[in-house]
PDB file of N, CA and C in Angstrom:
ATOM      1  N   MET A   1      50.176   2.710   7.306  1.00  0.00           N
ATOM      2  CA  MET A   1      49.423   1.624   7.874  1.00  0.00           C
ATOM      3  C   MET A   1      48.805   2.075   9.204  1.00  0.00           C
ATOM      4  N   VAL A   2      47.510   1.846   9.370  1.00  0.00           N
ATOM      5  CA  VAL A   2      46.803   2.208  10.593  1.00  0.00           C
ATOM      6  C   VAL A   2      46.759   0.993  11.506  1.00  0.00           C
ATOM      7  N   VAL A   3      47.168   1.187  12.740  1.00  0.00           N
ATOM      8  CA  VAL A   3      47.144   0.112  13.726  1.00  0.00           C
ATOM      9  C   VAL A   3      45.983   0.365  14.674  1.00  0.00           C
ATOM     10  N   ASP A   4      45.131  -0.620  14.842  1.00  0.00           N
ATOM     11  CA  ASP A   4      43.986  -0.505  15.741  1.00  0.00           C
ATOM     12  C   ASP A   4      44.448  -0.813  17.167  1.00  0.00           C
ATOM     13  N   GLU A   5      44.442   0.200  18.018  1.00  0.00           N
ATOM     14  CA  GLU A   5      44.912   0.041  19.394  1.00  0.00           C
ATOM     15  C   GLU A   5      44.069  -0.975  20.168  1.00  0.00           C
ATOM     16  N   ASP A   6      42.762  -1.036  19.894  1.00  0.00           N
ATOM     17  CA  ASP A   6      41.916  -2.006  20.583  1.00  0.00           C
ATOM     18  C   ASP A   6      42.278  -3.434  20.186  1.00  0.00           C
ATOM     19  N   PHE A   7      42.604  -3.648  18.919  1.00  0.00           N
ATOM     20  CA  PHE A   7      43.017  -4.986  18.489  1.00  0.00           C
ATOM     21  C   PHE A   7      44.329  -5.379  19.154  1.00  0.00           C
ATOM     22  N   LEU A   8      45.268  -4.460  19.227  1.00  0.00           N
ATOM     23  CA  LEU A   8      46.540  -4.761  19.896  1.00  0.00           C
ATOM     24  C   LEU A   8      46.316  -5.101  21.366  1.00  0.00           C
ATOM     25  N   TRP A   9      45.417  -4.372  22.021  1.00  0.00           N
ATOM     26  CA  TRP A   9      45.107  -4.659  23.423  1.00  0.00           C
ATOM     27  C   TRP A   9      44.480  -6.048  23.549  1.00  0.00           C
ATOM     28  N   TYR A  10      43.538  -6.355  22.673  1.00  0.00           N
ATOM     29  CA  TYR A  10      42.882  -7.667  22.652  1.00  0.00           C
ATOM     30  C   TYR A  10      43.913  -8.785  22.482  1.00  0.00           C
ATOM     31  N   ALA A  11      44.840  -8.605  21.569  1.00  0.00           N
ATOM     32  CA  ALA A  11      45.832  -9.636  21.272  1.00  0.00           C
ATOM     33  C   ALA A  11      46.862  -9.803  22.391  1.00  0.00           C
ATOM     34  N   SER A  12      47.043  -8.780  23.208  1.00  0.00           N
ATOM     35  CA  SER A  12      48.089  -8.843  24.226  1.00  0.00           C
ATOM     36  C   SER A  12      47.541  -8.901  25.654  1.00  0.00           C
ATOM     37  N   SER A  13      46.243  -9.124  25.820  1.00  0.00           N
ATOM     38  CA  SER A  13      45.647  -9.078  27.165  1.00  0.00           C
ATOM     39  C   SER A  13      44.840 -10.328  27.512  1.00  0.00           C
ATOM     40  N   PRO A  14      45.407 -11.508  27.361  1.00  0.00           N
ATOM     41  CA  PRO A  14      44.606 -12.716  27.636  1.00  0.00           C
ATOM     42  C   PRO A  14      44.117 -12.811  29.074  1.00  0.00           C
ATOM     43  N   ARG A  15      44.880 -12.332  30.034  1.00  0.00           N
ATOM     44  CA  ARG A  15      44.452 -12.408  31.441  1.00  0.00           C
ATOM     45  C   ARG A  15      43.191 -11.577  31.687  1.00  0.00           C
ATOM     46  N   GLU A  16      43.127 -10.384  31.112  1.00  0.00           N
ATOM     47  CA  GLU A  16      41.967  -9.516  31.292  1.00  0.00           C
ATOM     48  C   GLU A  16      40.716 -10.094  30.633  1.00  0.00           C
ATOM     49  N   LEU A  17      40.909 -10.966  29.644  1.00  0.00           N
ATOM     50  CA  LEU A  17      39.783 -11.505  28.890  1.00  0.00           C
ATOM     51  C   LEU A  17      39.359 -12.897  29.349  1.00  0.00           C
ATOM     52  N   GLU A  18      40.093 -13.512  30.285  1.00  0.00           N
ATOM     53  CA  GLU A  18      39.793 -14.867  30.740  1.00  0.00           C
ATOM     54  C   GLU A  18      38.358 -15.030  31.229  1.00  0.00           C
ATOM     55  N   LYS A  19      37.840 -14.032  31.916  1.00  0.00           N
ATOM     56  CA  LYS A  19      36.502 -14.162  32.491  1.00  0.00           C
ATOM     57  C   LYS A  19      35.400 -14.146  31.437  1.00  0.00           C
ATOM     58  N   TYR A  20      35.759 -13.849  30.179  1.00  0.00           N
ATOM     59  CA  TYR A  20      34.792 -13.810  29.089  1.00  0.00           C
ATOM     60  C   TYR A  20      34.886 -15.045  28.176  1.00  0.00           C
ATOM     61  N   CYS A  21      35.558 -16.097  28.629  1.00  0.00           N
ATOM     62  CA  CYS A  21      35.701 -17.307  27.800  1.00  0.00           C
ATOM     63  C   CYS A  21      34.332 -17.836  27.384  1.00  0.00           C
ATOM     64  N   GLY A  22      34.214 -18.149  26.118  1.00  0.00           N
ATOM     65  CA  GLY A  22      32.966 -18.655  25.569  1.00  0.00           C
ATOM     66  C   GLY A  22      31.964 -17.572  25.229  1.00  0.00           C
ATOM     67  N   MET A  23      32.407 -16.312  25.274  1.00  0.00           N
ATOM     68  CA  MET A  23      31.503 -15.192  25.019  1.00  0.00           C
ATOM     69  C   MET A  23      32.054 -14.282  23.921  1.00  0.00           C
ATOM     70  N   HIS A  24      31.167 -13.475  23.403  1.00  0.00           N
ATOM     71  CA  HIS A  24      31.552 -12.405  22.484  1.00  0.00           C
ATOM     72  C   HIS A  24      31.772 -11.151  23.319  1.00  0.00           C
ATOM     73  N   VAL A  25      32.755 -10.359  22.948  1.00  0.00           N
ATOM     74  CA  VAL A  25      33.028  -9.113  23.657  1.00  0.00           C
ATOM     75  C   VAL A  25      33.085  -7.956  22.672  1.00  0.00           C
ATOM     76  N   ALA A  26      32.801  -6.774  23.202  1.00  0.00           N
ATOM     77  CA  ALA A  26      32.942  -5.526  22.450  1.00  0.00           C
ATOM     78  C   ALA A  26      33.992  -4.706  23.184  1.00  0.00           C
ATOM     79  N   ILE A  27      35.047  -4.328  22.475  1.00  0.00           N
ATOM     80  CA  ILE A  27      36.175  -3.613  23.080  1.00  0.00           C
ATOM     81  C   ILE A  27      36.226  -2.207  22.509  1.00  0.00           C
ATOM     82  N   TRP A  28      36.349  -1.231  23.406  1.00  0.00           N
ATOM     83  CA  TRP A  28      36.426   0.179  23.015  1.00  0.00           C
ATOM     84  C   TRP A  28      37.402   0.870  23.951  1.00  0.00           C
ATOM     85  N   LYS A  29      38.390   1.529  23.392  1.00  0.00           N
ATOM     86  CA  LYS A  29      39.409   2.251  24.159  1.00  0.00           C
ATOM     87  C   LYS A  29      40.079   1.357  25.196  1.00  0.00           C
ATOM     88  N   LYS A  30      40.427   0.136  24.760  1.00  0.00           N
ATOM     89  CA  LYS A  30      41.171  -0.833  25.563  1.00  0.00           C
ATOM     90  C   LYS A  30      40.408  -1.308  26.803  1.00  0.00           C
ATOM     91  N   HIS A  31      39.083  -1.352  26.690  1.00  0.00           N
ATOM     92  CA  HIS A  31      38.233  -1.867  27.763  1.00  0.00           C
ATOM     93  C   HIS A  31      37.105  -2.687  27.155  1.00  0.00           C
ATOM     94  N   VAL A  32      36.666  -3.697  27.867  1.00  0.00           N
ATOM     95  CA  VAL A  32      35.481  -4.442  27.448  1.00  0.00           C
ATOM     96  C   VAL A  32      34.276  -3.611  27.878  1.00  0.00           C
ATOM     97  N   VAL A  33      33.505  -3.153  26.901  1.00  0.00           N
ATOM     98  CA  VAL A  33      32.337  -2.315  27.182  1.00  0.00           C
ATOM     99  C   VAL A  33      31.032  -3.070  26.950  1.00  0.00           C
ATOM    100  N   GLY A  34      31.140  -4.314  26.462  1.00  0.00           N
ATOM    101  CA  GLY A  34      29.962  -5.143  26.264  1.00  0.00           C
ATOM    102  C   GLY A  34      30.367  -6.590  26.100  1.00  0.00           C
ATOM    103  N   TYR A  35      29.468  -7.489  26.466  1.00  0.00           N
ATOM    104  CA  TYR A  35      29.715  -8.916  26.309  1.00  0.00           C
ATOM    105  C   TYR A  35      28.375  -9.635  26.240  1.00  0.00           C
ATOM    106  N   GLY A  36      28.401 -10.849  25.694  1.00  0.00           N
ATOM    107  CA  GLY A  36      27.177 -11.631  25.611  1.00  0.00           C
ATOM    108  C   GLY A  36      27.394 -12.940  24.895  1.00  0.00           C
ATOM    109  N   ARG A  37      26.315 -13.710  24.788  1.00  0.00           N
ATOM    110  CA  ARG A  37      26.390 -15.006  24.103  1.00  0.00           C
ATOM    111  C   ARG A  37      26.537 -14.832  22.595  1.00  0.00           C
ATOM    112  N   THR A  38      26.117 -13.674  22.081  1.00  0.00           N
ATOM    113  CA  THR A  38      26.225 -13.392  20.652  1.00  0.00           C
ATOM    114  C   THR A  38      26.937 -12.060  20.450  1.00  0.00           C
ATOM    115  N   ALA A  39      27.432 -11.868  19.236  1.00  0.00           N
ATOM    116  CA  ALA A  39      28.078 -10.593  18.909  1.00  0.00           C
ATOM    117  C   ALA A  39      27.058  -9.452  18.996  1.00  0.00           C
ATOM    118  N   LYS A  40      25.809  -9.740  18.625  1.00  0.00           N
ATOM    119  CA  LYS A  40      24.764  -8.710  18.686  1.00  0.00           C
ATOM    120  C   LYS A  40      24.539  -8.253  20.132  1.00  0.00           C
ATOM    121  N   GLU A  41      24.485  -9.204  21.065  1.00  0.00           N
ATOM    122  CA  GLU A  41      24.320  -8.848  22.475  1.00  0.00           C
ATOM    123  C   GLU A  41      25.479  -7.987  22.961  1.00  0.00           C
ATOM    124  N   ALA A  42      26.695  -8.364  22.601  1.00  0.00           N
ATOM    125  CA  ALA A  42      27.876  -7.602  23.015  1.00  0.00           C
ATOM    126  C   ALA A  42      27.836  -6.194  22.438  1.00  0.00           C
ATOM    127  N   TYR A  43      27.469  -6.090  21.165  1.00  0.00           N
ATOM    128  CA  TYR A  43      27.413  -4.783  20.505  1.00  0.00           C
ATOM    129  C   TYR A  43      26.333  -3.903  21.143  1.00  0.00           C
ATOM    130  N   GLU A  44      25.161  -4.464  21.383  1.00  0.00           N
ATOM    131  CA  GLU A  44      24.073  -3.681  21.962  1.00  0.00           C
ATOM    132  C   GLU A  44      24.416  -3.198  23.370  1.00  0.00           C
ATOM    133  N   MET A  45      25.076  -4.043  24.171  1.00  0.00           N
ATOM    134  CA  MET A  45      25.508  -3.625  25.500  1.00  0.00           C
ATOM    135  C   MET A  45      26.538  -2.503  25.393  1.00  0.00           C
ATOM    136  N   ALA A  46      27.449  -2.627  24.448  1.00  0.00           N
ATOM    137  CA  ALA A  46      28.470  -1.592  24.258  1.00  0.00           C
ATOM    138  C   ALA A  46      27.822  -0.259  23.907  1.00  0.00           C
ATOM    139  N   LYS A  47      26.825  -0.278  23.029  1.00  0.00           N
ATOM    140  CA  LYS A  47      26.162   0.964  22.628  1.00  0.00           C
ATOM    141  C   LYS A  47      25.356   1.569  23.778  1.00  0.00           C
ATOM    142  N   ARG A  48      24.820   0.733  24.668  1.00  0.00           N
ATOM    143  CA  ARG A  48      24.125   1.259  25.854  1.00  0.00           C
ATOM    144  C   ARG A  48      25.132   1.886  26.819  1.00  0.00           C
ATOM    145  N   ASN A  49      26.271   1.207  27.008  1.00  0.00           N
ATOM    146  CA  ASN A  49      27.284   1.683  27.957  1.00  0.00           C
ATOM    147  C   ASN A  49      28.088   2.859  27.421  1.00  0.00           C
ATOM    148  N   GLU A  50      28.394   2.839  26.138  1.00  0.00           N
ATOM    149  CA  GLU A  50      29.222   3.874  25.492  1.00  0.00           C
ATOM    150  C   GLU A  50      28.576   4.225  24.149  1.00  0.00           C
ATOM    151  N   PRO A  51      27.552   5.076  24.139  1.00  0.00           N
ATOM    152  CA  PRO A  51      26.815   5.356  22.899  1.00  0.00           C
ATOM    153  C   PRO A  51      27.683   5.837  21.726  1.00  0.00           C
ATOM    154  N   GLU A  52      28.788   6.500  22.008  1.00  0.00           N
ATOM    155  CA  GLU A  52      29.646   7.013  20.928  1.00  0.00           C
ATOM    156  C   GLU A  52      30.637   5.974  20.410  1.00  0.00           C
ATOM    157  N   SER A  53      30.637   4.788  21.001  1.00  0.00           N
ATOM    158  CA  SER A  53      31.646   3.785  20.655  1.00  0.00           C
ATOM    159  C   SER A  53      31.446   3.193  19.262  1.00  0.00           C
ATOM    160  N   ASP A  54      32.545   2.744  18.714  1.00  0.00           N
ATOM    161  CA  ASP A  54      32.587   1.954  17.484  1.00  0.00           C
ATOM    162  C   ASP A  54      33.458   0.755  17.842  1.00  0.00           C
ATOM    163  N   PRO A  55      32.902  -0.197  18.614  1.00  0.00           N
ATOM    164  CA  PRO A  55      33.734  -1.224  19.243  1.00  0.00           C
ATOM    165  C   PRO A  55      34.246  -2.296  18.296  1.00  0.00           C
ATOM    166  N   LEU A  56      35.359  -2.861  18.702  1.00  0.00           N
ATOM    167  CA  LEU A  56      35.909  -4.062  18.088  1.00  0.00           C
ATOM    168  C   LEU A  56      35.141  -5.232  18.673  1.00  0.00           C
ATOM    169  N   LEU A  57      34.625  -6.109  17.831  1.00  0.00           N
ATOM    170  CA  LEU A  57      33.909  -7.302  18.296  1.00  0.00           C
ATOM    171  C   LEU A  57      34.818  -8.510  18.140  1.00  0.00           C
ATOM    172  N   ALA A  58      34.843  -9.348  19.176  1.00  0.00           N
ATOM    173  CA  ALA A  58      35.686 -10.538  19.136  1.00  0.00           C
ATOM    174  C   ALA A  58      35.028 -11.644  19.947  1.00  0.00           C
ATOM    175  N   TYR A  59      35.367 -12.875  19.613  1.00  0.00           N
ATOM    176  CA  TYR A  59      34.907 -14.038  20.363  1.00  0.00           C
ATOM    177  C   TYR A  59      36.079 -14.569  21.176  1.00  0.00           C
ATOM    178  N   ILE A  60      35.835 -14.838  22.458  1.00  0.00           N
ATOM    179  CA  ILE A  60      36.879 -15.376  23.327  1.00  0.00           C
ATOM    180  C   ILE A  60      36.604 -16.883  23.461  1.00  0.00           C
ATOM    181  N   PRO A  61      37.437 -17.720  22.871  1.00  0.00           N
ATOM    182  CA  PRO A  61      37.179 -19.176  22.888  1.00  0.00           C
ATOM    183  C   PRO A  61      37.360 -19.777  24.279  1.00  0.00           C
ATOM    184  N   GLU A  62      36.670 -20.897  24.504  1.00  0.00           N
ATOM    185  CA  GLU A  62      36.814 -21.638  25.751  1.00  0.00           C
ATOM    186  C   GLU A  62      37.912 -22.686  25.607  1.00  0.00           C
ATOM    187  N   ASP A  63      38.718 -22.817  26.623  1.00  0.00           N
ATOM    188  CA  ASP A  63      39.686 -23.913  26.719  1.00  0.00           C
ATOM    189  C   ASP A  63      40.509 -24.144  25.460  1.00  0.00           C
ATOM    190  N   GLU A  64      40.871 -23.102  24.778  1.00  0.00           N
ATOM    191  CA  GLU A  64      41.709 -23.222  23.588  1.00  0.00           C
ATOM    192  C   GLU A  64      42.763 -22.122  23.632  1.00  0.00           C
ATOM    193  N   ALA A  65      43.841 -22.369  22.964  1.00  0.00           N
ATOM    194  CA  ALA A  65      44.836 -21.327  22.791  1.00  0.00           C
ATOM    195  C   ALA A  65      44.307 -20.357  21.742  1.00  0.00           C
ATOM    196  N   MET A  66      44.491 -19.083  21.986  1.00  0.00           N
ATOM    197  CA  MET A  66      44.053 -18.088  21.023  1.00  0.00           C
ATOM    198  C   MET A  66      45.174 -17.878  20.015  1.00  0.00           C
ATOM    199  N   ILE A  67      44.915 -18.157  18.772  1.00  0.00           N
ATOM    200  CA  ILE A  67      45.912 -18.012  17.721  1.00  0.00           C
ATOM    201  C   ILE A  67      45.550 -16.803  16.876  1.00  0.00           C
ATOM    202  N   LEU A  68      46.464 -15.853  16.808  1.00  0.00           N
ATOM    203  CA  LEU A  68      46.214 -14.638  16.025  1.00  0.00           C
ATOM    204  C   LEU A  68      47.177 -14.540  14.877  1.00  0.00           C
TER     205      LEU A  68
END
């Protein structure tokens, strides 16, 4: 079984992600490398910032508990 380290970081780092509430984020190597109102914006920012990345895309909900 392959475990995605970026997904584990995403699931265990709510404090680091608080500032992105209501946004889509792109995570690569346990860092947010892109964000935006849409997943496309987050992905495009990630590719500009880290061209070699294959980021995990996720939506950070506003004012809700994140259930994984």
